[in-house]
Amino acid sequence: MPTGTPLHAGHWRIRHDRIDPSGVFTLRHNSRLHHIGIGRRHAGTDILVLIHDLDIRVLTSDGDLLRELVLDPSRDYQPQPKT
């Protein structure tokens, strides 16, 4: 039986895109473009982007997780974490 309790409130988006030759895709948030780095080895890969407010998950079309991040609205480029 449904409890009537909403799931997480907030803004949800799903987006289909392709990683450009430099290994980046763009995402608009609050009328600003943000460039999200994935890596050049994934250039040309079709991706599915799941967005909940500032939380972002980037998946391949097969469902493999490429990147998970929290968008920093103060930065135009979201670099990959250092490993």
Protein backbone atom coordinates (compact mmCIF):
# COMPACT_ATOMS: atom_id res chain seq x y z
CA MET A 1 0.00 0.00 0.00
CA PRO A 2 1.34 3.45 -0.80
CA THR A 3 2.08 5.51 2.30
CA GLY A 4 1.46 8.86 0.65
CA THR A 5 4.98 9.96 1.60
CA PRO A 6 6.60 11.61 -1.40
CA LEU A 7 9.96 10.43 -2.57
CA HIS A 8 12.66 13.05 -2.55
CA ALA A 9 11.32 16.44 -3.52
CA GLY A 10 13.33 18.49 -5.93
CA HIS A 11 14.00 18.86 -9.61
CA TRP A 12 14.59 15.64 -11.60
CA ARG A 13 15.87 15.45 -15.17
CA ILE A 14 16.95 12.69 -17.52
CA ARG A 15 19.02 13.56 -20.54
CA HIS A 16 20.48 11.61 -23.48
CA ASP A 17 23.71 13.03 -24.90
CA ARG A 18 27.05 12.13 -26.46
CA ILE A 19 30.52 12.88 -25.11
CA ASP A 20 32.41 15.23 -27.45
CA PRO A 21 35.91 14.51 -28.86
CA SER A 22 37.60 16.27 -25.94
CA GLY A 23 35.88 13.99 -23.39
CA VAL A 24 33.40 16.57 -22.08
CA PHE A 25 29.66 17.17 -22.22
CA THR A 26 27.77 20.32 -21.29
CA LEU A 27 24.90 20.78 -18.90
CA ARG A 28 22.84 23.91 -18.31
CA HIS A 29 22.02 24.88 -14.71
CA ASN A 30 20.45 28.23 -13.74
CA SER A 31 20.97 29.56 -17.29
CA ARG A 32 24.72 28.79 -17.19
CA LEU A 33 26.56 26.13 -19.14
CA HIS A 34 28.76 23.80 -17.12
CA HIS A 35 31.31 21.53 -18.81
CA ILE A 36 31.61 18.14 -17.16
CA GLY A 37 34.78 16.16 -17.83
CA ILE A 38 34.44 12.43 -18.38
CA GLY A 39 37.66 11.54 -20.20
CA ARG A 40 38.88 11.39 -23.79
CA ARG A 41 38.80 7.61 -23.85
CA HIS A 42 34.99 7.89 -23.70
CA ALA A 43 34.78 10.37 -26.62
CA GLY A 44 31.79 9.65 -28.84
CA THR A 45 30.07 7.47 -26.22
CA ASP A 46 26.31 7.81 -25.95
CA ILE A 47 25.39 8.64 -22.36
CA LEU A 48 22.37 8.91 -20.11
CA VAL A 49 22.56 11.71 -17.54
CA LEU A 50 20.41 11.44 -14.41
CA ILE A 51 20.07 14.76 -12.57
CA HIS A 52 18.46 15.46 -9.19
CA ASP A 53 19.04 19.09 -8.20
CA LEU A 54 22.88 19.25 -8.04
CA ASP A 55 23.51 15.48 -7.88
CA ILE A 56 24.51 14.08 -11.28
CA ARG A 57 25.10 10.53 -12.47
CA VAL A 58 26.49 9.79 -15.92
CA LEU A 59 25.77 6.33 -17.33
CA THR A 60 26.57 4.63 -20.62
CA SER A 61 23.66 3.42 -22.72
CA ASP A 62 24.42 -0.06 -21.26
CA GLY A 63 23.95 1.26 -17.71
CA ASP A 64 27.62 1.38 -16.63
CA LEU A 65 28.37 4.28 -14.27
CA LEU A 66 31.00 6.63 -15.77
CA ARG A 67 30.88 9.41 -13.21
CA GLU A 68 28.94 10.61 -10.19
CA LEU A 69 29.31 14.15 -8.91
CA VAL A 70 27.73 17.07 -7.13
CA LEU A 71 27.66 20.11 -9.41
CA ASP A 72 29.55 23.14 -8.13
CA PRO A 73 27.53 26.08 -9.56
CA SER A 74 30.42 28.50 -9.02
CA ARG A 75 32.63 26.64 -11.55
CA ASP A 76 32.05 26.44 -15.29
CA TYR A 77 34.25 23.34 -15.68
CA GLN A 78 33.72 20.36 -13.39
CA PRO A 79 37.07 18.53 -13.47
CA GLN A 80 37.47 14.85 -12.79
CA PRO A 81 38.57 13.94 -9.28
CA LYS A 82 42.26 13.26 -8.84
CA THR A 83 43.05 9.60 -8.23
